[in-house]
N, C-alpha and C. Protein backbone atom coordinates (compact mmCIF):
# COMPACT_ATOMS: atom_id res chain seq x y z
N MET A 1 1.07 -1.39 0.07
CA MET A 1 0.29 -0.26 -0.14
C MET A 1 1.06 1.08 0.45
N THR A 2 1.09 2.61 -0.90
CA THR A 2 1.59 3.13 -1.09
C THR A 2 0.77 4.37 -0.85
N LEU A 3 1.22 5.44 0.05
CA LEU A 3 -0.18 6.52 0.06
C LEU A 3 0.76 7.97 -0.17
N ARG A 4 0.58 9.10 -0.39
CA ARG A 4 1.07 10.05 -0.58
C ARG A 4 0.37 10.91 0.54
N VAL A 5 1.95 11.60 1.93
CA VAL A 5 1.07 12.28 2.86
C VAL A 5 1.68 13.51 2.89
N GLU A 6 1.31 14.78 3.31
CA GLU A 6 2.06 15.80 3.52
C GLU A 6 2.60 16.39 4.69
N VAL A 7 4.19 17.11 4.84
CA VAL A 7 4.53 17.35 5.56
C VAL A 7 4.09 18.54 6.17
N GLY A 8 3.63 18.99 7.50
CA GLY A 8 3.35 20.23 8.44
C GLY A 8 3.77 20.81 8.78
N LYS A 9 3.88 21.77 9.42
CA LYS A 9 4.50 23.14 10.32
C LYS A 9 5.10 21.84 11.20
N LYS A 10 6.43 22.35 11.83
CA LYS A 10 7.36 21.37 12.20
C LYS A 10 7.80 19.69 11.49
N GLY A 11 7.73 19.78 10.76
CA GLY A 11 8.05 18.43 10.34
C GLY A 11 7.19 17.26 10.14
N TYR A 12 6.09 17.47 10.72
CA TYR A 12 4.71 16.31 11.36
C TYR A 12 4.44 15.76 10.04
N ILE A 13 4.33 14.91 10.23
CA ILE A 13 3.03 13.72 9.35
C ILE A 13 2.07 13.52 9.67
N ILE A 14 0.80 13.13 8.83
CA ILE A 14 -0.13 12.21 9.52
C ILE A 14 -0.18 11.22 8.95
N ILE A 15 0.04 9.91 10.01
CA ILE A 15 0.18 8.61 9.50
C ILE A 15 -1.70 8.26 8.75
N PRO A 16 -2.16 7.75 7.78
CA PRO A 16 -3.42 7.69 7.39
C PRO A 16 -4.34 6.54 8.79
N LYS A 17 -5.42 6.77 8.87
CA LYS A 17 -6.20 5.90 9.78
C LYS A 17 -6.19 4.36 9.19
N ASP A 18 -6.24 4.25 7.42
CA ASP A 18 -6.45 2.84 6.90
C ASP A 18 -4.81 1.95 7.50
N ILE A 19 -3.63 2.89 7.03
CA ILE A 19 -2.35 2.07 7.91
C ILE A 19 -2.22 2.05 9.22
N ARG A 20 -2.82 2.98 9.79
CA ARG A 20 -2.99 2.83 11.80
C ARG A 20 -3.53 1.64 11.95
N ASP A 21 -4.76 1.51 11.67
CA ASP A 21 -5.60 0.38 11.68
C ASP A 21 -5.03 -0.91 11.02
N LEU A 22 -3.82 -0.83 9.92
CA LEU A 22 -3.27 -2.26 9.00
C LEU A 22 -2.44 -2.90 10.29
N LEU A 23 -1.66 -2.17 10.80
CA LEU A 23 -0.33 -2.04 11.81
C LEU A 23 -0.69 -2.23 13.07
N GLY A 24 -1.84 -2.22 13.59
CA GLY A 24 -2.46 -2.04 14.96
C GLY A 24 -1.48 -0.32 15.52
N ILE A 25 -1.87 0.38 15.03
CA ILE A 25 -0.74 1.28 15.51
C ILE A 25 -2.14 2.33 16.46
N LYS A 26 -1.63 2.72 17.61
CA LYS A 26 -2.56 3.71 18.65
C LYS A 26 -1.48 4.29 18.93
N GLU A 27 -2.55 5.49 19.35
CA GLU A 27 -2.29 6.84 19.98
C GLU A 27 -1.56 6.47 21.14
N GLY A 28 -0.06 7.50 21.31
CA GLY A 28 0.82 6.69 22.44
C GLY A 28 1.94 5.86 21.85
N ASP A 29 1.76 5.31 21.29
CA ASP A 29 2.80 4.17 20.90
C ASP A 29 3.86 4.38 20.17
N LYS A 30 4.93 4.35 20.22
CA LYS A 30 6.06 3.91 20.10
C LYS A 30 6.47 3.45 18.63
N LEU A 31 7.13 4.54 17.50
CA LEU A 31 7.58 4.33 16.19
C LEU A 31 9.19 4.38 16.14
N ILE A 32 9.48 3.52 15.23
CA ILE A 32 11.30 3.28 14.91
C ILE A 32 10.97 3.87 13.89
N LEU A 33 12.15 4.95 13.72
CA LEU A 33 12.17 5.90 12.69
C LEU A 33 13.60 6.06 11.91
N SER A 34 13.70 4.84 10.72
CA SER A 34 15.28 4.90 10.57
C SER A 34 15.20 5.39 8.50
N ILE A 35 16.40 5.09 8.17
CA ILE A 35 16.31 5.60 6.78
C ILE A 35 17.60 4.54 6.08
N ARG A 36 16.82 3.91 5.34
CA ARG A 36 17.04 2.70 5.22
C ARG A 36 17.06 2.97 3.18
N ASP A 37 18.37 2.94 2.31
CA ASP A 37 18.23 2.99 1.03
C ASP A 37 17.62 4.53 0.49
N GLY A 38 18.19 5.57 1.21
CA GLY A 38 17.69 6.72 1.14
C GLY A 38 16.03 6.94 1.28
N LYS A 39 15.24 6.05 2.07
CA LYS A 39 13.69 6.08 2.21
C LYS A 39 13.60 6.21 3.68
N ILE A 40 12.73 6.56 3.75
CA ILE A 40 12.37 6.62 5.14
C ILE A 40 11.73 5.78 5.84
N VAL A 41 11.59 4.83 6.63
CA VAL A 41 11.10 3.58 7.17
C VAL A 41 10.80 4.20 8.60
N LEU A 42 9.60 3.67 8.73
CA LEU A 42 8.93 3.64 10.42
C LEU A 42 8.25 2.49 10.81
N GLU A 43 8.69 1.97 11.58
CA GLU A 43 8.26 0.48 12.28
C GLU A 43 7.34 0.83 13.39
N PRO A 44 6.27 -0.02 13.54
CA PRO A 44 5.88 0.35 15.22
C PRO A 44 7.27 -0.63 16.42
N GLU A 45 7.17 0.38 17.00
CA GLU A 45 7.97 -0.22 18.54
C GLU A 45 7.70 -1.46 18.84
N ARG A 46 7.82 -2.82 18.75
CA ARG A 46 6.82 -3.79 19.61
C ARG A 46 7.65 -4.69 20.46
N ASN A 47 6.89 -4.26 21.67
CA ASN A 47 7.55 -4.87 23.05
C ASN A 47 7.84 -6.27 23.18
N VAL A 48 8.36 -6.87 23.67
CA VAL A 48 8.62 -8.23 23.95
C VAL A 48 8.93 -8.41 25.23
N ASP A 49 8.24 -9.24 25.94
CA ASP A 49 8.07 -9.49 26.84
C ASP A 49 9.13 -10.73 27.43
N ILE A 50 10.39 -11.15 27.79
CA ILE A 50 11.16 -12.06 27.99
C ILE A 50 10.98 -12.69 28.72
N ASN A 51 9.86 -12.80 29.67
CA ASN A 51 9.45 -13.74 30.25
C ASN A 51 8.27 -14.95 29.89
N GLU A 52 7.32 -13.83 29.08
CA GLU A 52 6.71 -14.72 28.22
C GLU A 52 7.17 -15.35 27.39
N ILE A 53 8.37 -15.45 26.55
CA ILE A 53 9.15 -16.04 25.76
C ILE A 53 10.12 -17.33 26.20
N LEU A 54 10.27 -17.10 27.32
CA LEU A 54 10.86 -17.96 28.46
C LEU A 54 9.90 -19.29 28.50
N LYS A 55 8.61 -18.72 28.93
CA LYS A 55 8.03 -19.50 29.65
C LYS A 55 7.27 -20.38 28.42
N ARG A 56 7.38 -19.77 26.88
CA ARG A 56 6.37 -20.68 25.98
C ARG A 56 7.74 -21.68 25.47
N LEU A 57 8.95 -21.27 25.27
CA LEU A 57 10.46 -21.68 25.14
C LEU A 57 10.57 -22.99 26.14
N GLU A 58 10.05 -22.64 27.33
CA GLU A 58 10.07 -24.09 28.32
C GLU A 58 8.88 -25.04 28.04
N GLY A 59 7.74 -24.30 27.66
CA GLY A 59 6.61 -25.24 27.07
C GLY A 59 6.90 -26.33 26.25
N HIS A 60 7.46 -25.65 24.69
CA HIS A 60 8.15 -26.34 23.91
C HIS A 60 9.03 -27.13 23.50
N TYR A 61 10.13 -26.95 25.04
CA TYR A 61 11.10 -28.25 25.56
C TYR A 61 10.37 -29.07 26.27
N ALA A 62 9.29 -28.97 26.75
CA ALA A 62 8.55 -30.23 27.55
C ALA A 62 7.77 -30.94 26.84
N LYS A 63 6.89 -30.68 25.69
CA LYS A 63 6.87 -31.14 25.10
C LYS A 63 7.63 -32.21 23.91
N ILE A 64 8.49 -31.37 23.61
CA ILE A 64 9.44 -32.58 22.76
C ILE A 64 10.91 -32.91 23.61
N SER A 65 10.55 -32.80 25.08
CA SER A 65 11.41 -34.03 25.72
C SER A 65 10.68 -35.60 25.86
N SER A 66 9.22 -34.70 26.12
CA SER A 66 8.35 -35.81 26.16
C SER A 66 8.25 -36.89 25.11
N TYR A 67 8.45 -36.53 24.32
CA TYR A 67 8.28 -36.92 22.80
C TYR A 67 9.89 -38.07 22.91
N ALA A 68 10.97 -37.39 22.74
CA ALA A 68 11.98 -38.29 23.13
C ALA A 68 12.15 -39.35 24.05
N LYS A 69 11.36 -38.73 25.36
CA LYS A 69 11.39 -40.31 26.65
C LYS A 69 10.65 -41.16 26.12
N SER A 70 9.24 -40.84 25.84
CA SER A 70 8.69 -42.16 25.51
C SER A 70 8.45 -42.80 24.00
N ALA A 71 9.61 -42.65 23.23
CA ALA A 71 10.25 -43.51 21.70
C ALA A 71 10.61 -44.26 22.47
N LYS A 72 10.29 -45.36 21.88
CA LYS A 72 11.21 -47.22 21.68
C LYS A 72 11.52 -48.12 20.74
N LEU A 73 12.39 -48.31 20.77
CA LEU A 73 12.99 -49.31 19.47
C LEU A 73 11.74 -50.17 19.20
N GLY A 74 11.85 -49.42 17.76
CA GLY A 74 10.70 -50.70 17.29
C GLY A 74 9.65 -49.72 16.71
N ASP A 75 9.05 -48.47 17.21
CA ASP A 75 8.24 -47.70 17.16
C ASP A 75 7.78 -47.65 15.75
N LEU A 76 9.05 -47.39 14.83
CA LEU A 76 8.68 -46.83 13.37
C LEU A 76 8.90 -47.90 12.55
N ALA A 77 8.97 -49.51 13.21
CA ALA A 77 9.07 -50.33 12.08
C ALA A 77 7.92 -51.32 10.78
N HIS A 78 6.73 -50.48 11.51
CA HIS A 78 5.64 -50.81 10.74
C HIS A 78 5.41 -49.35 9.78
N SER A 79 5.89 -48.22 9.78
CA SER A 79 5.95 -46.93 8.90
C SER A 79 6.64 -47.20 7.97
N SER A 80 6.27 -46.09 7.46
CA SER A 80 7.24 -45.65 6.39
C SER A 80 7.57 -44.09 6.21
N LEU A 81 8.90 -44.13 6.34
CA LEU A 81 9.70 -42.90 6.35
C LEU A 81 9.07 -42.18 5.19
N GLU A 82 9.11 -42.21 3.78
CA GLU A 82 8.48 -41.66 3.02
C GLU A 82 7.25 -41.19 3.28
N GLU A 83 6.30 -41.80 4.12
CA GLU A 83 5.37 -41.08 4.88
C GLU A 83 5.02 -39.90 5.42
N GLU A 84 6.20 -40.43 6.44
CA GLU A 84 6.83 -39.37 7.56
C GLU A 84 7.19 -38.14 7.08
N PHE A 85 7.76 -38.23 6.04
CA PHE A 85 8.26 -36.65 5.59
C PHE A 85 7.46 -36.29 4.24
N ASP A 86 6.39 -36.81 4.06
CA ASP A 86 5.82 -35.97 2.83
C ASP A 86 5.53 -34.87 3.21
N ASP A 87 5.07 -34.02 4.26
CA ASP A 87 4.67 -32.79 4.11
C ASP A 87 5.96 -32.16 4.44
N PHE A 88 6.86 -32.55 4.34
CA PHE A 88 8.20 -31.39 3.77
C PHE A 88 9.11 -31.31 2.44
N SER A 89 8.18 -32.08 1.79
CA SER A 89 8.58 -32.11 -0.05
C SER A 89 7.00 -30.90 -0.32
C-alpha cells in the first residue's frame, strides 16, 4: 500500500487511519524511524516480554522432551519413512 502524505509545520506527518489500523498503531505507541536506501522507514516498536518468551520455550521444550522419552525401539517398524516426510516436500 502506498499513500501520499504532506509534511506539515515542524515536520509533522499524519499516518492515515487505514495504515494505523493495518499495523495496529494506536495513539501513544512508539515508532522506530530509520533511513534505508535513501528512504524513510517507520516501524511500530514491539515490546517483547522476555518472560513470556521463556515460558513458551519451556513449554515447547517439555513437549519435545516427552516425545524423546516415550520413543521405543521398533516404534517405526511398521511406518513408512516416505510417508513421515511427505509433509516436508
